[in-house]
């Protein structure tokens, strides 16, 4: 029972470590341009397809209009297994052109 509990705890910790590799937010301020660029990236799954959603928000501190753009990349593989990750592919919000039968 104790071994099983340790195994489950280890798996949960390692899964969270991988999630941090893909899920993050960064923010950078550029004083010369007076803008802040905030990038938020999330690893998501839809219809058996793993993909990254990246939202890039540009906040202008000089009065111009701020904007947000969203980018998508699908994975040809499985993100938590280093032996099954093949490549990332740029796509749209509908995941057009992404492989959906990985490993089958």
N, C-alpha and C. Protein backbone atom coordinates (compact mmCIF):
# COMPACT_ATOMS: atom_id res chain seq x y z
N UNK A 1 0.82 -1.19 0.00
CA UNK A 1 0.00 0.00 0.00
C UNK A 1 0.87 1.26 0.00
N UNK A 2 1.94 1.25 0.81
CA UNK A 2 2.82 2.41 0.87
C UNK A 2 3.54 2.60 -0.46
N UNK A 3 3.98 1.49 -1.06
CA UNK A 3 4.66 1.57 -2.36
C UNK A 3 3.75 2.15 -3.42
N UNK A 4 2.48 1.73 -3.40
CA UNK A 4 1.51 2.24 -4.36
C UNK A 4 1.30 3.74 -4.17
N UNK A 5 1.22 4.18 -2.93
CA UNK A 5 1.05 5.61 -2.64
C UNK A 5 2.25 6.42 -3.12
N UNK A 6 3.45 5.89 -2.91
CA UNK A 6 4.67 6.57 -3.36
C UNK A 6 4.70 6.64 -4.88
N UNK A 7 4.31 5.55 -5.55
CA UNK A 7 4.28 5.52 -7.01
C UNK A 7 3.30 6.55 -7.56
N UNK A 8 2.12 6.62 -6.99
CA UNK A 8 1.11 7.59 -7.44
C UNK A 8 1.59 9.02 -7.21
N UNK A 9 2.17 9.29 -6.05
CA UNK A 9 2.69 10.64 -5.76
C UNK A 9 3.79 11.02 -6.74
N UNK A 10 4.68 10.06 -7.03
CA UNK A 10 5.77 10.33 -7.98
C UNK A 10 5.23 10.65 -9.37
N UNK A 11 4.21 9.92 -9.80
CA UNK A 11 3.62 10.16 -11.12
C UNK A 11 2.95 11.52 -11.18
N UNK A 12 2.26 11.91 -10.11
CA UNK A 12 1.61 13.21 -10.09
C UNK A 12 2.63 14.34 -10.12
N UNK A 13 3.70 14.21 -9.38
CA UNK A 13 4.74 15.24 -9.37
C UNK A 13 5.40 15.34 -10.72
N UNK A 14 5.70 14.22 -11.37
CA UNK A 14 6.35 14.27 -12.68
C UNK A 14 5.40 14.83 -13.73
N UNK A 15 4.11 14.54 -13.64
CA UNK A 15 3.14 15.11 -14.58
C UNK A 15 3.07 16.62 -14.44
N UNK A 16 3.11 17.12 -13.20
CA UNK A 16 3.08 18.56 -12.98
C UNK A 16 4.35 19.22 -13.50
N UNK A 17 5.47 18.55 -13.40
CA UNK A 17 6.73 19.10 -13.91
C UNK A 17 6.66 19.26 -15.42
N UNK A 18 6.07 18.29 -16.11
CA UNK A 18 5.92 18.41 -17.56
C UNK A 18 4.94 19.52 -17.91
N UNK A 19 3.86 19.66 -17.13
CA UNK A 19 2.87 20.69 -17.41
C UNK A 19 3.50 22.08 -17.33
N UNK A 20 4.42 22.28 -16.39
CA UNK A 20 5.07 23.58 -16.27
C UNK A 20 5.94 23.89 -17.48
N UNK A 21 6.40 22.86 -18.17
CA UNK A 21 7.21 23.06 -19.38
C UNK A 21 6.37 23.72 -20.47
N UNK A 22 5.09 23.43 -20.51
CA UNK A 22 4.22 23.93 -21.56
C UNK A 22 3.32 25.08 -21.11
N UNK A 23 2.95 25.11 -19.84
CA UNK A 23 2.00 26.10 -19.34
C UNK A 23 2.73 27.19 -18.57
N UNK A 24 2.74 28.39 -19.12
CA UNK A 24 3.43 29.49 -18.45
C UNK A 24 2.94 30.83 -18.97
N UNK A 25 3.29 31.88 -18.24
CA UNK A 25 3.04 33.25 -18.65
C UNK A 25 4.32 34.04 -18.45
N UNK A 26 4.69 34.81 -19.48
CA UNK A 26 5.85 35.70 -19.37
C UNK A 26 5.39 37.11 -19.71
N UNK A 27 6.09 38.07 -19.14
CA UNK A 27 5.77 39.47 -19.41
C UNK A 27 7.08 40.24 -19.52
N UNK A 28 7.20 41.04 -20.59
CA UNK A 28 8.40 41.84 -20.82
C UNK A 28 8.00 43.28 -21.13
N UNK A 29 8.72 44.21 -20.53
CA UNK A 29 8.49 45.64 -20.77
C UNK A 29 9.65 46.18 -21.61
N UNK A 30 9.30 46.89 -22.68
CA UNK A 30 10.29 47.50 -23.56
C UNK A 30 10.16 49.01 -23.42
N UNK A 31 11.13 49.62 -22.73
CA UNK A 31 11.03 51.04 -22.39
C UNK A 31 11.13 51.94 -23.62
N UNK A 32 11.94 51.60 -24.58
CA UNK A 32 12.10 52.45 -25.77
C UNK A 32 10.78 52.56 -26.54
N UNK A 33 10.04 51.46 -26.63
CA UNK A 33 8.76 51.46 -27.36
C UNK A 33 7.58 51.73 -26.44
N UNK A 34 7.80 51.72 -25.14
CA UNK A 34 6.76 51.91 -24.13
C UNK A 34 5.63 50.90 -24.28
N UNK A 35 6.00 49.62 -24.40
CA UNK A 35 5.00 48.56 -24.50
C UNK A 35 5.37 47.41 -23.56
N UNK A 36 4.34 46.69 -23.15
CA UNK A 36 4.50 45.45 -22.39
C UNK A 36 3.93 44.33 -23.24
N UNK A 37 4.70 43.27 -23.42
CA UNK A 37 4.23 42.11 -24.16
C UNK A 37 4.10 40.96 -23.17
N UNK A 38 2.87 40.44 -23.05
CA UNK A 38 2.58 39.33 -22.16
C UNK A 38 2.19 38.13 -23.00
N UNK A 39 2.90 37.02 -22.81
CA UNK A 39 2.62 35.80 -23.54
C UNK A 39 2.12 34.74 -22.55
N UNK A 40 0.96 34.19 -22.83
CA UNK A 40 0.39 33.12 -22.03
C UNK A 40 0.26 31.89 -22.92
N UNK A 41 0.86 30.79 -22.48
CA UNK A 41 0.84 29.57 -23.27
C UNK A 41 0.22 28.44 -22.46
N UNK A 42 -0.67 27.67 -23.10
CA UNK A 42 -1.33 26.56 -22.44
C UNK A 42 -1.26 25.33 -23.35
N UNK A 43 -1.05 24.17 -22.75
CA UNK A 43 -1.12 22.91 -23.45
C UNK A 43 -2.53 22.38 -23.28
N UNK A 44 -3.20 22.11 -24.40
CA UNK A 44 -4.59 21.65 -24.37
C UNK A 44 -4.75 20.41 -25.23
N UNK A 45 -5.88 19.74 -25.08
CA UNK A 45 -6.17 18.57 -25.90
C UNK A 45 -7.61 18.66 -26.38
N UNK A 46 -7.80 18.38 -27.66
CA UNK A 46 -9.14 18.42 -28.25
C UNK A 46 -9.19 17.35 -29.33
N UNK A 47 -10.21 16.51 -29.30
CA UNK A 47 -10.37 15.42 -30.28
C UNK A 47 -9.13 14.53 -30.37
N UNK A 48 -8.45 14.32 -29.25
CA UNK A 48 -7.26 13.48 -29.25
C UNK A 48 -6.01 14.16 -29.78
N UNK A 49 -6.08 15.46 -30.02
CA UNK A 49 -4.96 16.22 -30.55
C UNK A 49 -4.40 17.10 -29.44
N UNK A 50 -3.10 16.99 -29.19
CA UNK A 50 -2.43 17.89 -28.25
C UNK A 50 -2.00 19.14 -29.00
N UNK A 51 -2.28 20.31 -28.42
CA UNK A 51 -1.89 21.56 -29.08
C UNK A 51 -1.56 22.64 -28.06
N UNK A 52 -0.76 23.59 -28.52
CA UNK A 52 -0.42 24.76 -27.71
C UNK A 52 -1.28 25.93 -28.16
N UNK A 53 -1.81 26.66 -27.20
CA UNK A 53 -2.51 27.90 -27.48
C UNK A 53 -1.66 29.01 -26.88
N UNK A 54 -1.19 29.92 -27.70
CA UNK A 54 -0.35 31.03 -27.24
C UNK A 54 -1.08 32.34 -27.48
N UNK A 55 -1.34 33.06 -26.40
CA UNK A 55 -1.97 34.38 -26.50
C UNK A 55 -0.90 35.42 -26.22
N UNK A 56 -0.72 36.32 -27.17
CA UNK A 56 0.27 37.39 -27.05
C UNK A 56 -0.49 38.71 -26.96
N UNK A 57 -0.39 39.34 -25.78
CA UNK A 57 -1.07 40.61 -25.55
C UNK A 57 -0.03 41.72 -25.54
N UNK A 58 -0.26 42.72 -26.37
CA UNK A 58 0.62 43.88 -26.45
C UNK A 58 -0.12 45.06 -25.81
N UNK A 59 0.41 45.55 -24.69
CA UNK A 59 -0.20 46.71 -24.03
C UNK A 59 0.70 47.91 -24.28
N UNK A 60 0.13 48.92 -24.92
CA UNK A 60 0.87 50.12 -25.26
C UNK A 60 0.65 51.17 -24.18
N UNK A 61 1.74 51.67 -23.59
CA UNK A 61 1.66 52.64 -22.50
C UNK A 61 1.70 54.08 -23.00
N UNK A 62 1.75 54.27 -24.31
CA UNK A 62 1.80 55.63 -24.84
C UNK A 62 0.46 56.08 -25.41
N UNK A 63 -0.59 55.29 -25.19
CA UNK A 63 -1.92 55.71 -25.60
C UNK A 63 -2.45 55.02 -26.84
N UNK A 64 -1.62 54.30 -27.57
CA UNK A 64 -2.13 53.60 -28.75
C UNK A 64 -2.93 52.38 -28.30
N UNK A 65 -3.70 51.83 -29.22
CA UNK A 65 -4.57 50.70 -28.91
C UNK A 65 -3.77 49.43 -28.62
N UNK A 66 -4.13 48.76 -27.54
CA UNK A 66 -3.51 47.48 -27.20
C UNK A 66 -4.20 46.39 -28.02
N UNK A 67 -3.50 45.27 -28.24
CA UNK A 67 -4.10 44.19 -29.02
C UNK A 67 -3.63 42.84 -28.49
N UNK A 68 -4.43 41.81 -28.82
CA UNK A 68 -4.12 40.44 -28.45
C UNK A 68 -4.22 39.56 -29.68
N UNK A 69 -3.21 38.72 -29.89
CA UNK A 69 -3.23 37.75 -30.98
C UNK A 69 -3.10 36.36 -30.38
N UNK A 70 -3.75 35.39 -31.00
CA UNK A 70 -3.69 34.01 -30.53
C UNK A 70 -3.09 33.15 -31.63
N UNK A 71 -2.13 32.29 -31.24
CA UNK A 71 -1.46 31.38 -32.16
C UNK A 71 -1.66 29.95 -31.68
N UNK A 72 -1.69 29.02 -32.63
CA UNK A 72 -1.90 27.61 -32.30
C UNK A 72 -0.83 26.76 -32.98
N UNK A 73 -0.37 25.73 -32.24
CA UNK A 73 0.55 24.74 -32.78
C UNK A 73 0.10 23.37 -32.29
N UNK A 74 -0.07 22.44 -33.22
CA UNK A 74 -0.45 21.09 -32.80
C UNK A 74 0.78 20.20 -32.78
N UNK A 75 0.70 19.16 -31.95
CA UNK A 75 1.83 18.26 -31.75
C UNK A 75 1.59 16.96 -32.49
N UNK A 76 2.58 16.55 -33.24
CA UNK A 76 2.54 15.25 -33.89
C UNK A 76 3.21 14.26 -32.94
N UNK A 77 2.50 13.89 -31.88
CA UNK A 77 3.05 13.02 -30.86
C UNK A 77 2.33 13.18 -29.54
N UNK A 78 2.99 12.79 -28.47
CA UNK A 78 2.42 12.86 -27.13
C UNK A 78 3.35 13.68 -26.25
N UNK A 79 2.89 14.76 -25.64
CA UNK A 79 3.79 15.71 -24.98
C UNK A 79 4.51 15.21 -23.73
N UNK A 80 4.00 14.20 -23.05
CA UNK A 80 4.61 13.80 -21.79
C UNK A 80 5.58 12.62 -21.93
N UNK A 81 5.77 12.13 -23.13
CA UNK A 81 6.68 11.01 -23.37
C UNK A 81 7.75 11.46 -24.36
N UNK A 82 8.99 11.62 -23.92
CA UNK A 82 10.03 12.14 -24.82
C UNK A 82 10.32 11.24 -26.02
N UNK A 83 9.90 9.98 -25.96
CA UNK A 83 10.13 9.08 -27.09
C UNK A 83 9.03 9.17 -28.14
N UNK A 84 7.91 9.84 -27.81
CA UNK A 84 6.80 9.94 -28.74
C UNK A 84 6.59 11.35 -29.29
N UNK A 85 7.42 12.30 -28.91
CA UNK A 85 7.28 13.66 -29.43
C UNK A 85 7.99 13.74 -30.78
N UNK A 86 7.26 14.14 -31.77
CA UNK A 86 7.85 14.23 -33.09
C UNK A 86 8.09 15.67 -33.52
N UNK A 87 7.04 16.46 -33.67
CA UNK A 87 7.23 17.83 -34.11
C UNK A 87 5.97 18.66 -33.82
N UNK A 88 6.18 19.98 -33.83
CA UNK A 88 5.07 20.92 -33.68
C UNK A 88 4.74 21.46 -35.07
N UNK A 89 3.46 21.72 -35.29
CA UNK A 89 2.99 22.21 -36.59
C UNK A 89 2.08 23.40 -36.35
N UNK A 90 2.33 24.50 -37.05
CA UNK A 90 1.48 25.69 -36.94
C UNK A 90 0.12 25.39 -37.57
N UNK A 91 -0.94 25.82 -36.88
CA UNK A 91 -2.29 25.56 -37.36
C UNK A 91 -3.20 26.71 -36.98
N UNK A 92 -4.50 26.54 -37.15
CA UNK A 92 -5.47 27.57 -36.76
C UNK A 92 -6.30 27.07 -35.58
N UNK A 93 -7.29 27.87 -35.17
CA UNK A 93 -8.07 27.50 -33.98
C UNK A 93 -8.90 26.24 -34.19
N UNK A 94 -9.13 25.84 -35.43
CA UNK A 94 -9.87 24.61 -35.73
C UNK A 94 -8.96 23.39 -35.83
N UNK A 95 -7.67 23.60 -35.60
CA UNK A 95 -6.64 22.56 -35.67
C UNK A 95 -6.60 21.89 -37.04
N UNK A 96 -6.75 22.70 -38.07
CA UNK A 96 -6.74 22.22 -39.44
C UNK A 96 -5.38 21.61 -39.79
N UNK A 97 -5.40 20.41 -40.36
CA UNK A 97 -4.18 19.75 -40.79
C UNK A 97 -3.45 18.99 -39.70
N UNK A 98 -3.99 18.94 -38.49
CA UNK A 98 -3.33 18.24 -37.39
C UNK A 98 -3.66 16.76 -37.42
N UNK A 99 -2.67 15.90 -37.12
CA UNK A 99 -2.95 14.47 -37.09
C UNK A 99 -3.80 14.12 -35.86
N UNK A 100 -4.84 13.31 -36.05
CA UNK A 100 -5.71 12.99 -34.92
C UNK A 100 -5.71 11.51 -34.57
N UNK A 101 -4.89 10.73 -35.19
CA UNK A 101 -4.84 9.29 -34.91
C UNK A 101 -3.44 8.88 -34.49
N UNK A 102 -2.82 9.64 -33.60
CA UNK A 102 -1.46 9.36 -33.13
C UNK A 102 -1.42 8.00 -32.42
N UNK A 103 -0.53 7.14 -32.83
CA UNK A 103 -0.31 5.87 -32.17
C UNK A 103 -1.36 4.82 -32.43
N UNK A 104 -2.24 5.05 -33.41
CA UNK A 104 -3.29 4.05 -33.69
C UNK A 104 -3.07 3.42 -35.04
